[in-house]
C-alpha atoms as a PDB file:
ATOM      1  CA  MET A   1       0.196   0.098   0.150  1.00  0.00           C
ATOM      2  CA  LYS A   2       1.010   3.589  -0.253  1.00  0.00           C
ATOM      3  CA  ILE A   3       1.452   6.211   2.052  1.00  0.00           C
ATOM      4  CA  LEU A   4      -1.281   8.052   0.685  1.00  0.00           C
ATOM      5  CA  ASN A   5      -3.672   5.286   1.219  1.00  0.00           C
ATOM      6  CA  ILE A   6      -2.521   4.324   4.992  1.00  0.00           C
ATOM      7  CA  THR A   7      -3.111   8.014   5.624  1.00  0.00           C
ATOM      8  CA  LYS A   8      -6.904   8.250   4.057  1.00  0.00           C
ATOM      9  CA  LEU A   9      -7.627   4.939   5.901  1.00  0.00           C
ATOM     10  CA  LEU A  10      -6.350   5.980   9.133  1.00  0.00           C
ATOM     11  CA  VAL A  11      -8.484   9.569   8.340  1.00  0.00           C
ATOM     12  CA  THR A  12     -11.545   7.664   7.612  1.00  0.00           C
ATOM     13  CA  SER A  13     -11.167   5.414  10.546  1.00  0.00           C
ATOM     14  CA  ALA A  14     -10.780   7.939  13.009  1.00  0.00           C
ATOM     15  CA  THR A  15     -13.773   9.916  11.574  1.00  0.00           C
ATOM     16  CA  VAL A  16     -15.857   7.064  11.891  1.00  0.00           C
ATOM     17  CA  ALA A  17     -14.894   5.968  14.946  1.00  0.00           C
ATOM     18  CA  LEU A  18     -15.806  10.023  16.670  1.00  0.00           C
ATOM     19  CA  MET A  19     -19.349   9.900  14.558  1.00  0.00           C
ATOM     20  CA  VAL A  20     -20.159   6.852  16.170  1.00  0.00           C
ATOM     21  CA  GLY A  21     -18.334   6.877  19.153  1.00  0.00           C
ATOM     22  CA  CYS A  22     -21.654   8.217  21.487  1.00  0.00           C
ATOM     23  CA  ALA A  23     -24.539   6.873  18.921  1.00  0.00           C
ATOM     24  CA  GLN A  24     -26.651   3.821  20.574  1.00  0.00           C
ATOM     25  CA  PRO A  25     -28.808   2.565  17.927  1.00  0.00           C
ATOM     26  CA  GLY A  26     -31.749   0.598  18.952  1.00  0.00           C
ATOM     27  CA  PRO A  27     -32.290  -2.639  18.100  1.00  0.00           C
ATOM     28  CA  GLU A  28     -34.447  -2.272  14.873  1.00  0.00           C
ATOM     29  CA  ALA A  29     -31.880   0.158  13.511  1.00  0.00           C
ATOM     30  CA  THR A  30     -29.304  -2.195  14.139  1.00  0.00           C
ATOM     31  CA  LYS A  31     -30.780  -5.121  12.623  1.00  0.00           C
ATOM     32  CA  GLY A  32     -32.223  -2.892   9.383  1.00  0.00           C
ATOM     33  CA  ALA A  33     -28.417  -1.804   8.664  1.00  0.00           C
ATOM     34  CA  LEU A  34     -26.911  -5.565   8.737  1.00  0.00           C
ATOM     35  CA  ILE A  35     -29.923  -7.058   6.598  1.00  0.00           C
ATOM     36  CA  GLY A  36     -29.766  -3.835   4.473  1.00  0.00           C
ATOM     37  CA  GLY A  37     -26.474  -3.749   4.232  1.00  0.00           C
ATOM     38  CA  ALA A  38     -26.039  -7.711   3.338  1.00  0.00           C
ATOM     39  CA  GLY A  39     -29.176  -7.508   1.091  1.00  0.00           C
ATOM     40  CA  ALA A  40     -28.012  -5.235  -1.002  1.00  0.00           C
ATOM     41  CA  ALA A  41     -24.385  -6.442  -1.279  1.00  0.00           C
ATOM     42  CA  GLY A  42     -25.168  -9.907  -1.970  1.00  0.00           C
ATOM     43  CA  ILE A  43     -27.788  -8.663  -4.591  1.00  0.00           C
ATOM     44  CA  THR A  44     -25.176  -6.517  -6.193  1.00  0.00           C
ATOM     45  CA  ALA A  45     -22.595  -9.583  -6.503  1.00  0.00           C
ATOM     46  CA  LEU A  46     -25.315 -11.835  -7.903  1.00  0.00           C
ATOM     47  CA  VAL A  47     -25.935  -9.730 -10.953  1.00  0.00           C
ATOM     48  CA  GLY A  48     -22.239  -9.572 -11.668  1.00  0.00           C
ATOM     49  CA  GLY A  49     -21.238  -6.002  -9.764  1.00  0.00           C
ATOM     50  CA  SER A  50     -17.638  -4.969  -9.877  1.00  0.00           C
ATOM     51  CA  LYS A  51     -15.799  -4.921  -6.133  1.00  0.00           C
ATOM     52  CA  ARG A  52     -16.146  -1.313  -6.075  1.00  0.00           C
ATOM     53  CA  SER A  53     -20.219  -1.582  -6.715  1.00  0.00           C
ATOM     54  CA  VAL A  54     -20.744  -4.369  -4.104  1.00  0.00           C
ATOM     55  CA  VAL A  55     -19.099  -1.776  -1.401  1.00  0.00           C
ATOM     56  CA  THR A  56     -20.953   0.992  -3.049  1.00  0.00           C
ATOM     57  CA  ALA A  57     -24.387  -0.859  -2.645  1.00  0.00           C
ATOM     58  CA  ALA A  58     -23.569  -2.392   0.806  1.00  0.00           C
ATOM     59  CA  ALA A  59     -23.008   1.305   2.451  1.00  0.00           C
ATOM     60  CA  VAL A  60     -26.284   2.513   0.962  1.00  0.00           C
ATOM     61  CA  GLY A  61     -28.253  -0.698   2.031  1.00  0.00           C
ATOM     62  CA  ALA A  62     -26.580  -0.070   4.988  1.00  0.00           C
ATOM     63  CA  VAL A  63     -27.335   3.398   5.531  1.00  0.00           C
ATOM     64  CA  ALA A  64     -31.034   2.897   4.601  1.00  0.00           C
ATOM     65  CA  GLY A  65     -31.745  -0.240   6.613  1.00  0.00           C
ATOM     66  CA  GLY A  66     -30.474   1.733   9.422  1.00  0.00           C
ATOM     67  CA  LEU A  67     -32.707   4.815   8.782  1.00  0.00           C
ATOM     68  CA  TYR A  68     -35.903   2.384   8.211  1.00  0.00           C
ATOM     69  CA  GLY A  69     -35.053   0.441  11.306  1.00  0.00           C
ATOM     70  CA  ASP A  70     -34.119   3.950  13.302  1.00  0.00           C
ATOM     71  CA  SER A  71     -37.980   4.912  12.531  1.00  0.00           C
ATOM     72  CA  LYS A  72     -39.279   1.920  13.681  1.00  0.00           C
ATOM     73  CA  ASP A  73     -37.664   2.707  16.557  1.00  0.00           C
ATOM     74  CA  LYS A  74     -39.167   5.371  17.480  1.00  0.00           C
ATOM     75  CA  GLU A  75     -42.775   4.363  16.729  1.00  0.00           C
ATOM     76  CA  ASN A  76     -42.000   1.895  19.660  1.00  0.00           C
ATOM     77  CA  GLN A  77     -41.440   4.313  22.086  1.00  0.00           C
END
């Protein structure tokens, strides 16, 4: 790996850690993010997507599933 790639990885990891350090997602949000990410990545891989498109689909699916699950958690409060 190039030094530049390692630096990007460290900066990204630190940013994500700071963003989610205090967050406590509910059980439905967690489940939704896992199902959404895995489902989107699986479908994209099955239809022959590239590695980059599989990762992108997993990220989008996880966010969408997490948002849906979070809305379900708020309904149950």
